[in-house]
Amino acid sequence: MKSQICILVLGFALCAATGACAQQAPECRVAESAADQRIGNAGCLIAVDGRTLLIAHNVSGKLGFPGGTSRDKEPAQCTAHRETWEETGLDLEVGDFLKRLSTGFLLYACSTGHGELSPDEVPHLPIWSRTEVSGMLWRDLDSVEAAEWRFPDQVEEVRGLDDHE
Protein backbone atom coordinates (compact mmCIF):
# COMPACT_ATOMS: atom_id res chain seq x y z
CA MET A 1 0.00 0.00 0.00
CA LYS A 2 2.83 2.42 0.83
CA SER A 3 4.45 1.83 -2.56
CA GLN A 4 1.14 2.56 -4.32
CA ILE A 5 0.76 5.83 -2.42
CA CYS A 6 4.37 6.75 -3.30
CA ILE A 7 3.63 6.04 -6.97
CA LEU A 8 0.58 8.32 -6.81
CA VAL A 9 2.53 11.13 -5.13
CA LEU A 10 5.38 10.82 -7.62
CA GLY A 11 2.90 10.69 -10.48
CA PHE A 12 1.22 13.89 -9.35
CA ALA A 13 4.63 15.56 -8.90
CA LEU A 14 5.68 14.48 -12.40
CA CYS A 15 2.44 15.79 -13.85
CA ALA A 16 2.82 19.12 -12.09
CA ALA A 17 6.47 19.50 -13.11
CA THR A 18 6.05 18.52 -16.77
CA GLY A 19 2.48 19.53 -17.51
CA ALA A 20 1.84 15.97 -18.75
CA CYS A 21 -1.51 15.90 -16.94
CA ALA A 22 -2.71 19.02 -18.71
CA GLN A 23 -3.92 17.03 -21.70
CA GLN A 24 -7.13 18.33 -23.23
CA ALA A 25 -9.73 15.67 -23.96
CA PRO A 26 -10.85 15.49 -27.59
CA GLU A 27 -14.32 16.71 -28.51
CA CYS A 28 -17.12 14.43 -27.36
CA ARG A 29 -18.06 11.86 -30.02
CA VAL A 30 -21.57 10.41 -29.83
CA ALA A 31 -23.22 8.29 -32.52
CA GLU A 32 -26.11 10.35 -33.94
CA SER A 33 -28.49 7.42 -33.66
CA ALA A 34 -27.66 6.96 -29.96
CA ALA A 35 -27.79 10.52 -28.56
CA ASP A 36 -29.74 10.81 -25.30
CA GLN A 37 -30.32 13.36 -22.55
CA ARG A 38 -29.07 11.44 -19.50
CA ILE A 39 -26.74 13.20 -17.05
CA GLY A 40 -24.60 11.35 -14.53
CA ASN A 41 -21.46 9.35 -13.86
CA ALA A 42 -20.79 7.17 -16.87
CA GLY A 43 -18.37 4.95 -18.73
CA CYS A 44 -17.74 2.79 -21.74
CA LEU A 45 -18.09 -0.89 -22.39
CA ILE A 46 -15.55 -1.58 -25.15
CA ALA A 47 -16.18 -5.08 -26.46
CA VAL A 48 -14.41 -6.83 -29.34
CA ASP A 49 -14.86 -10.50 -30.21
CA GLY A 50 -16.60 -11.26 -26.90
CA ARG A 51 -13.90 -9.68 -24.75
CA THR A 52 -14.06 -6.37 -22.92
CA LEU A 53 -11.33 -3.81 -22.31
CA LEU A 54 -11.11 -3.19 -18.56
CA ILE A 55 -8.93 -0.92 -16.50
CA ALA A 56 -7.12 -1.80 -13.28
CA HIS A 57 -7.43 0.98 -10.71
CA ASN A 58 -4.08 2.17 -9.41
CA VAL A 59 -4.66 2.07 -5.66
CA SER A 60 -6.85 -1.04 -5.32
CA GLY A 61 -5.78 -2.97 -8.42
CA LYS A 62 -9.46 -3.82 -8.89
CA LEU A 63 -11.00 -4.02 -12.35
CA GLY A 64 -13.71 -1.86 -13.83
CA PHE A 65 -14.96 -0.11 -16.92
CA PRO A 66 -13.23 3.09 -17.97
CA GLY A 67 -15.39 5.99 -16.86
CA GLY A 68 -16.06 8.27 -13.96
CA THR A 69 -17.58 11.39 -12.54
CA SER A 70 -19.73 13.80 -14.51
CA ARG A 71 -18.79 17.46 -14.62
CA ASP A 72 -21.35 20.23 -14.12
CA LYS A 73 -24.42 19.16 -16.17
CA GLU A 74 -22.21 17.33 -18.67
CA PRO A 75 -24.24 14.81 -20.73
CA ALA A 76 -23.55 11.26 -19.56
CA GLN A 77 -22.33 10.23 -23.02
CA CYS A 78 -19.74 13.02 -22.94
CA THR A 79 -18.73 11.95 -19.41
CA ALA A 80 -18.22 8.40 -20.73
CA HIS A 81 -16.18 9.73 -23.67
CA ARG A 82 -14.00 12.12 -21.63
CA GLU A 83 -13.37 9.74 -18.73
CA THR A 84 -12.56 6.84 -21.07
CA TRP A 85 -10.09 9.05 -22.93
CA GLU A 86 -8.55 10.27 -19.65
CA GLU A 87 -8.09 6.70 -18.39
CA THR A 88 -7.16 4.88 -21.61
CA GLY A 89 -6.12 7.49 -24.20
CA LEU A 90 -8.77 6.08 -26.57
CA ASP A 91 -10.89 8.59 -28.51
CA LEU A 92 -13.98 6.43 -28.95
CA GLU A 93 -17.45 7.02 -30.30
CA VAL A 94 -20.11 6.60 -27.63
CA GLY A 95 -23.01 4.51 -28.82
CA ASP A 96 -26.13 2.97 -27.31
CA PHE A 97 -27.03 3.16 -23.64
CA LEU A 98 -26.62 -0.33 -22.18
CA LYS A 99 -27.46 -0.23 -18.51
CA ARG A 100 -27.71 1.79 -15.30
CA LEU A 101 -25.72 -0.16 -12.71
CA SER A 102 -26.76 -0.40 -9.05
CA THR A 103 -24.36 2.45 -8.17
CA GLY A 104 -26.14 4.71 -10.68
CA PHE A 105 -23.22 4.44 -13.13
CA LEU A 106 -24.46 4.74 -16.72
CA LEU A 107 -22.84 2.32 -19.13
CA TYR A 108 -22.61 2.90 -22.89
CA ALA A 109 -21.38 0.77 -25.78
CA CYS A 110 -18.31 2.47 -27.23
CA SER A 111 -16.13 1.73 -30.24
CA THR A 112 -13.56 3.25 -32.55
CA GLY A 113 -15.92 2.89 -35.47
CA HIS A 114 -12.91 1.69 -37.48
CA GLY A 115 -12.25 -1.78 -36.06
CA GLU A 116 -8.80 -0.68 -34.81
CA LEU A 117 -8.98 -2.48 -31.45
CA SER A 118 -8.12 -6.13 -31.02
CA PRO A 119 -8.24 -8.30 -27.89
CA ASP A 120 -4.84 -9.60 -29.02
CA GLU A 121 -3.29 -6.19 -28.21
CA VAL A 122 -3.62 -4.07 -25.10
CA PRO A 123 -3.60 -0.33 -25.92
CA HIS A 124 -0.68 1.72 -24.61
CA LEU A 125 -1.47 3.38 -21.27
CA PRO A 126 -0.91 7.15 -21.61
CA ILE A 127 1.31 8.88 -19.05
CA TRP A 128 -1.47 11.19 -17.87
CA SER A 129 -3.66 8.26 -16.78
CA ARG A 130 -1.07 6.51 -14.64
CA THR A 131 -2.00 8.32 -11.44
CA GLU A 132 -5.42 6.67 -11.64
CA VAL A 133 -4.97 3.54 -13.76
CA SER A 134 -2.26 0.90 -13.39
CA GLY A 135 -3.10 -1.01 -16.56
CA MET A 136 -5.62 -2.30 -19.06
CA LEU A 137 -6.55 -5.82 -20.07
CA TRP A 138 -9.04 -7.69 -22.21
CA ARG A 139 -11.37 -10.07 -20.36
CA ASP A 140 -14.51 -12.05 -20.96
CA LEU A 141 -16.91 -10.48 -18.44
CA ASP A 142 -18.26 -13.90 -17.52
CA SER A 143 -14.80 -14.87 -16.23
CA VAL A 144 -14.41 -11.91 -13.84
CA GLU A 145 -14.74 -12.85 -10.17
CA ALA A 146 -16.40 -10.53 -7.65
CA ALA A 147 -13.12 -10.25 -5.70
CA GLU A 148 -11.44 -8.78 -8.80
CA TRP A 149 -14.12 -6.13 -9.47
CA ARG A 150 -13.98 -2.62 -8.01
CA PHE A 151 -17.65 -2.85 -7.00
CA PRO A 152 -18.09 -6.59 -6.28
CA ASP A 153 -21.90 -6.42 -6.15
CA GLN A 154 -21.93 -5.35 -9.82
CA VAL A 155 -20.33 -8.51 -11.18
CA GLU A 156 -23.65 -10.26 -11.74
CA GLU A 157 -25.05 -7.08 -13.34
CA VAL A 158 -22.31 -6.93 -15.98
CA ARG A 159 -22.15 -10.59 -16.94
CA GLY A 160 -23.09 -11.09 -20.57
CA LEU A 161 -22.95 -7.39 -21.46
CA ASP A 162 -19.95 -7.99 -23.72
CA ASP A 163 -22.27 -9.91 -26.05
CA HIS A 164 -23.77 -6.61 -27.27
CA GLU A 165 -21.38 -6.18 -30.24
C-alpha atoms as a PDB file:
ATOM      1  CA  MET A   1       0.000   0.000   0.000  1.00  0.00           C
ATOM      2  CA  LYS A   2       2.834   2.424   0.828  1.00  0.00           C
ATOM      3  CA  SER A   3       4.451   1.830  -2.558  1.00  0.00           C
ATOM      4  CA  GLN A   4       1.142   2.565  -4.322  1.00  0.00           C
ATOM      5  CA  ILE A   5       0.762   5.830  -2.421  1.00  0.00           C
ATOM      6  CA  CYS A   6       4.369   6.753  -3.302  1.00  0.00           C
ATOM      7  CA  ILE A   7       3.626   6.045  -6.975  1.00  0.00           C
ATOM      8  CA  LEU A   8       0.582   8.319  -6.807  1.00  0.00           C
ATOM      9  CA  VAL A   9       2.532  11.135  -5.131  1.00  0.00           C
ATOM     10  CA  LEU A  10       5.383  10.816  -7.624  1.00  0.00           C
ATOM     11  CA  GLY A  11       2.903  10.693 -10.478  1.00  0.00           C
ATOM     12  CA  PHE A  12       1.221  13.895  -9.353  1.00  0.00           C
ATOM     13  CA  ALA A  13       4.626  15.559  -8.900  1.00  0.00           C
ATOM     14  CA  LEU A  14       5.684  14.475 -12.402  1.00  0.00           C
ATOM     15  CA  CYS A  15       2.437  15.793 -13.849  1.00  0.00           C
ATOM     16  CA  ALA A  16       2.818  19.125 -12.085  1.00  0.00           C
ATOM     17  CA  ALA A  17       6.467  19.499 -13.112  1.00  0.00           C
ATOM     18  CA  THR A  18       6.045  18.519 -16.767  1.00  0.00           C
ATOM     19  CA  GLY A  19       2.476  19.529 -17.515  1.00  0.00           C
ATOM     20  CA  ALA A  20       1.836  15.975 -18.754  1.00  0.00           C
ATOM     21  CA  CYS A  21      -1.513  15.905 -16.936  1.00  0.00           C
ATOM     22  CA  ALA A  22      -2.714  19.024 -18.709  1.00  0.00           C
ATOM     23  CA  GLN A  23      -3.922  17.029 -21.695  1.00  0.00           C
ATOM     24  CA  GLN A  24      -7.125  18.325 -23.234  1.00  0.00           C
ATOM     25  CA  ALA A  25      -9.729  15.671 -23.963  1.00  0.00           C
ATOM     26  CA  PRO A  26     -10.851  15.486 -27.586  1.00  0.00           C
ATOM     27  CA  GLU A  27     -14.317  16.708 -28.511  1.00  0.00           C
ATOM     28  CA  CYS A  28     -17.119  14.426 -27.359  1.00  0.00           C
ATOM     29  CA  ARG A  29     -18.065  11.860 -30.023  1.00  0.00           C
ATOM     30  CA  VAL A  30     -21.571  10.412 -29.834  1.00  0.00           C
ATOM     31  CA  ALA A  31     -23.224   8.293 -32.517  1.00  0.00           C
ATOM     32  CA  GLU A  32     -26.107  10.347 -33.942  1.00  0.00           C
ATOM     33  CA  SER A  33     -28.489   7.419 -33.661  1.00  0.00           C
ATOM     34  CA  ALA A  34     -27.658   6.963 -29.962  1.00  0.00           C
ATOM     35  CA  ALA A  35     -27.793  10.519 -28.560  1.00  0.00           C
ATOM     36  CA  ASP A  36     -29.741  10.815 -25.302  1.00  0.00           C
ATOM     37  CA  GLN A  37     -30.321  13.364 -22.554  1.00  0.00           C
ATOM     38  CA  ARG A  38     -29.073  11.444 -19.500  1.00  0.00           C
ATOM     39  CA  ILE A  39     -26.741  13.202 -17.052  1.00  0.00           C
ATOM     40  CA  GLY A  40     -24.596  11.353 -14.526  1.00  0.00           C
ATOM     41  CA  ASN A  41     -21.461   9.346 -13.865  1.00  0.00           C
ATOM     42  CA  ALA A  42     -20.785   7.171 -16.875  1.00  0.00           C
ATOM     43  CA  GLY A  43     -18.369   4.953 -18.728  1.00  0.00           C
ATOM     44  CA  CYS A  44     -17.737   2.790 -21.739  1.00  0.00           C
ATOM     45  CA  LEU A  45     -18.087  -0.889 -22.389  1.00  0.00           C
ATOM     46  CA  ILE A  46     -15.547  -1.578 -25.148  1.00  0.00           C
ATOM     47  CA  ALA A  47     -16.177  -5.083 -26.464  1.00  0.00           C
ATOM     48  CA  VAL A  48     -14.406  -6.826 -29.342  1.00  0.00           C
ATOM     49  CA  ASP A  49     -14.863 -10.498 -30.209  1.00  0.00           C
ATOM     50  CA  GLY A  50     -16.605 -11.261 -26.896  1.00  0.00           C
ATOM     51  CA  ARG A  51     -13.897  -9.682 -24.749  1.00  0.00           C
ATOM     52  CA  THR A  52     -14.064  -6.366 -22.917  1.00  0.00           C
ATOM     53  CA  LEU A  53     -11.334  -3.812 -22.315  1.00  0.00           C
ATOM     54  CA  LEU A  54     -11.114  -3.193 -18.564  1.00  0.00           C
ATOM     55  CA  ILE A  55      -8.926  -0.915 -16.498  1.00  0.00           C
ATOM     56  CA  ALA A  56      -7.121  -1.798 -13.279  1.00  0.00           C
ATOM     57  CA  HIS A  57      -7.428   0.983 -10.711  1.00  0.00           C
ATOM     58  CA  ASN A  58      -4.080   2.172  -9.411  1.00  0.00           C
ATOM     59  CA  VAL A  59      -4.662   2.068  -5.660  1.00  0.00           C
ATOM     60  CA  SER A  60      -6.849  -1.035  -5.320  1.00  0.00           C
ATOM     61  CA  GLY A  61      -5.776  -2.972  -8.417  1.00  0.00           C
ATOM     62  CA  LYS A  62      -9.459  -3.819  -8.890  1.00  0.00           C
ATOM     63  CA  LEU A  63     -11.000  -4.024 -12.353  1.00  0.00           C
ATOM     64  CA  GLY A  64     -13.710  -1.857 -13.834  1.00  0.00           C
ATOM     65  CA  PHE A  65     -14.960  -0.109 -16.921  1.00  0.00           C
ATOM     66  CA  PRO A  66     -13.227   3.093 -17.965  1.00  0.00           C
ATOM     67  CA  GLY A  67     -15.393   5.987 -16.858  1.00  0.00           C
ATOM     68  CA  GLY A  68     -16.064   8.270 -13.960  1.00  0.00           C
ATOM     69  CA  THR A  69     -17.579  11.393 -12.544  1.00  0.00           C
ATOM     70  CA  SER A  70     -19.731  13.798 -14.510  1.00  0.00           C
ATOM     71  CA  ARG A  71     -18.785  17.456 -14.625  1.00  0.00           C
ATOM     72  CA  ASP A  72     -21.351  20.228 -14.120  1.00  0.00           C
ATOM     73  CA  LYS A  73     -24.421  19.159 -16.172  1.00  0.00           C
ATOM     74  CA  GLU A  74     -22.215  17.327 -18.672  1.00  0.00           C
ATOM     75  CA  PRO A  75     -24.236  14.812 -20.728  1.00  0.00           C
ATOM     76  CA  ALA A  76     -23.549  11.258 -19.565  1.00  0.00           C
ATOM     77  CA  GLN A  77     -22.328  10.230 -23.021  1.00  0.00           C
ATOM     78  CA  CYS A  78     -19.738  13.018 -22.936  1.00  0.00           C
ATOM     79  CA  THR A  79     -18.730  11.948 -19.414  1.00  0.00           C
ATOM     80  CA  ALA A  80     -18.223   8.404 -20.735  1.00  0.00           C
ATOM     81  CA  HIS A  81     -16.178   9.730 -23.675  1.00  0.00           C
ATOM     82  CA  ARG A  82     -14.002  12.116 -21.626  1.00  0.00           C
ATOM     83  CA  GLU A  83     -13.373   9.738 -18.732  1.00  0.00           C
ATOM     84  CA  THR A  84     -12.563   6.845 -21.068  1.00  0.00           C
ATOM     85  CA  TRP A  85     -10.089   9.048 -22.926  1.00  0.00           C
ATOM     86  CA  GLU A  86      -8.545  10.272 -19.652  1.00  0.00           C
ATOM     87  CA  GLU A  87      -8.090   6.703 -18.386  1.00  0.00           C
ATOM     88  CA  THR A  88      -7.155   4.885 -21.610  1.00  0.00           C
ATOM     89  CA  GLY A  89      -6.120   7.494 -24.196  1.00  0.00           C
ATOM     90  CA  LEU A  90      -8.766   6.084 -26.568  1.00  0.00           C
ATOM     91  CA  ASP A  91     -10.893   8.590 -28.508  1.00  0.00           C
ATOM     92  CA  LEU A  92     -13.976   6.434 -28.947  1.00  0.00           C
ATOM     93  CA  GLU A  93     -17.446   7.017 -30.297  1.00  0.00           C
ATOM     94  CA  VAL A  94     -20.109   6.601 -27.629  1.00  0.00           C
ATOM     95  CA  GLY A  95     -23.015   4.509 -28.817  1.00  0.00           C
ATOM     96  CA  ASP A  96     -26.126   2.974 -27.307  1.00  0.00           C
ATOM     97  CA  PHE A  97     -27.034   3.159 -23.639  1.00  0.00           C
ATOM     98  CA  LEU A  98     -26.620  -0.329 -22.182  1.00  0.00           C
ATOM     99  CA  LYS A  99     -27.462  -0.227 -18.513  1.00  0.00           C
ATOM    100  CA  ARG A 100     -27.710   1.787 -15.300  1.00  0.00           C
ATOM    101  CA  LEU A 101     -25.722  -0.163 -12.714  1.00  0.00           C
ATOM    102  CA  SER A 102     -26.758  -0.401  -9.049  1.00  0.00           C
ATOM    103  CA  THR A 103     -24.360   2.446  -8.170  1.00  0.00           C
ATOM    104  CA  GLY A 104     -26.144   4.712 -10.681  1.00  0.00           C
ATOM    105  CA  PHE A 105     -23.224   4.442 -13.129  1.00  0.00           C
ATOM    106  CA  LEU A 106     -24.457   4.738 -16.722  1.00  0.00           C
ATOM    107  CA  LEU A 107     -22.837   2.317 -19.132  1.00  0.00           C
ATOM    108  CA  TYR A 108     -22.614   2.897 -22.890  1.00  0.00           C
ATOM    109  CA  ALA A 109     -21.385   0.772 -25.775  1.00  0.00           C
ATOM    110  CA  CYS A 110     -18.307   2.471 -27.226  1.00  0.00           C
ATOM    111  CA  SER A 111     -16.131   1.727 -30.241  1.00  0.00           C
ATOM    112  CA  THR A 112     -13.559   3.249 -32.548  1.00  0.00           C
ATOM    113  CA  GLY A 113     -15.915   2.888 -35.468  1.00  0.00           C
ATOM    114  CA  HIS A 114     -12.914   1.686 -37.485  1.00  0.00           C
ATOM    115  CA  GLY A 115     -12.248  -1.784 -36.061  1.00  0.00           C
ATOM    116  CA  GLU A 116      -8.804  -0.679 -34.805  1.00  0.00           C
ATOM    117  CA  LEU A 117      -8.982  -2.478 -31.450  1.00  0.00           C
ATOM    118  CA  SER A 118      -8.124  -6.130 -31.019  1.00  0.00           C
ATOM    119  CA  PRO A 119      -8.237  -8.297 -27.891  1.00  0.00           C
ATOM    120  CA  ASP A 120      -4.844  -9.604 -29.017  1.00  0.00           C
ATOM    121  CA  GLU A 121      -3.291  -6.192 -28.213  1.00  0.00           C
ATOM    122  CA  VAL A 122      -3.622  -4.070 -25.098  1.00  0.00           C
ATOM    123  CA  PRO A 123      -3.598  -0.334 -25.918  1.00  0.00           C
ATOM    124  CA  HIS A 124      -0.675   1.718 -24.610  1.00  0.00           C
ATOM    125  CA  LEU A 125      -1.469   3.377 -21.272  1.00  0.00           C
ATOM    126  CA  PRO A 126      -0.912   7.150 -21.609  1.00  0.00           C
ATOM    127  CA  ILE A 127       1.307   8.878 -19.054  1.00  0.00           C
ATOM    128  CA  TRP A 128      -1.469  11.189 -17.870  1.00  0.00           C
ATOM    129  CA  SER A 129      -3.663   8.257 -16.779  1.00  0.00           C
ATOM    130  CA  ARG A 130      -1.066   6.511 -14.642  1.00  0.00           C
ATOM    131  CA  THR A 131      -1.998   8.317 -11.435  1.00  0.00           C
ATOM    132  CA  GLU A 132      -5.425   6.668 -11.640  1.00  0.00           C
ATOM    133  CA  VAL A 133      -4.970   3.542 -13.762  1.00  0.00           C
ATOM    134  CA  SER A 134      -2.262   0.897 -13.395  1.00  0.00           C
ATOM    135  CA  GLY A 135      -3.098  -1.014 -16.558  1.00  0.00           C
ATOM    136  CA  MET A 136      -5.623  -2.296 -19.064  1.00  0.00           C
ATOM    137  CA  LEU A 137      -6.548  -5.816 -20.065  1.00  0.00           C
ATOM    138  CA  TRP A 138      -9.040  -7.686 -22.209  1.00  0.00           C
ATOM    139  CA  ARG A 139     -11.368 -10.071 -20.360  1.00  0.00           C
ATOM    140  CA  ASP A 140     -14.514 -12.051 -20.960  1.00  0.00           C
ATOM    141  CA  LEU A 141     -16.907 -10.481 -18.440  1.00  0.00           C
ATOM    142  CA  ASP A 142     -18.259 -13.904 -17.522  1.00  0.00           C
ATOM    143  CA  SER A 143     -14.799 -14.867 -16.230  1.00  0.00           C
ATOM    144  CA  VAL A 144     -14.411 -11.911 -13.840  1.00  0.00           C
ATOM    145  CA  GLU A 145     -14.745 -12.846 -10.171  1.00  0.00           C
ATOM    146  CA  ALA A 146     -16.399 -10.535  -7.645  1.00  0.00           C
ATOM    147  CA  ALA A 147     -13.120 -10.253  -5.697  1.00  0.00           C
ATOM    148  CA  GLU A 148     -11.435  -8.780  -8.801  1.00  0.00           C
ATOM    149  CA  TRP A 149     -14.116  -6.129  -9.467  1.00  0.00           C
ATOM    150  CA  ARG A 150     -13.976  -2.615  -8.006  1.00  0.00           C
ATOM    151  CA  PHE A 151     -17.645  -2.852  -6.996  1.00  0.00           C
ATOM    152  CA  PRO A 152     -18.090  -6.595  -6.283  1.00  0.00           C
ATOM    153  CA  ASP A 153     -21.898  -6.418  -6.148  1.00  0.00           C
ATOM    154  CA  GLN A 154     -21.927  -5.348  -9.821  1.00  0.00           C
ATOM    155  CA  VAL A 155     -20.331  -8.507 -11.184  1.00  0.00           C
ATOM    156  CA  GLU A 156     -23.646 -10.261 -11.740  1.00  0.00           C
ATOM    157  CA  GLU A 157     -25.050  -7.082 -13.339  1.00  0.00           C
ATOM    158  CA  VAL A 158     -22.315  -6.928 -15.976  1.00  0.00           C
ATOM    159  CA  ARG A 159     -22.148 -10.595 -16.936  1.00  0.00           C
ATOM    160  CA  GLY A 160     -23.085 -11.087 -20.567  1.00  0.00           C
ATOM    161  CA  LEU A 161     -22.952  -7.391 -21.458  1.00  0.00           C
ATOM    162  CA  ASP A 162     -19.951  -7.991 -23.719  1.00  0.00           C
ATOM    163  CA  ASP A 163     -22.267  -9.915 -26.051  1.00  0.00           C
ATOM    164  CA  HIS A 164     -23.771  -6.611 -27.266  1.00  0.00           C
ATOM    165  CA  GLU A 165     -21.378  -6.181 -30.236  1.00  0.00           C
END
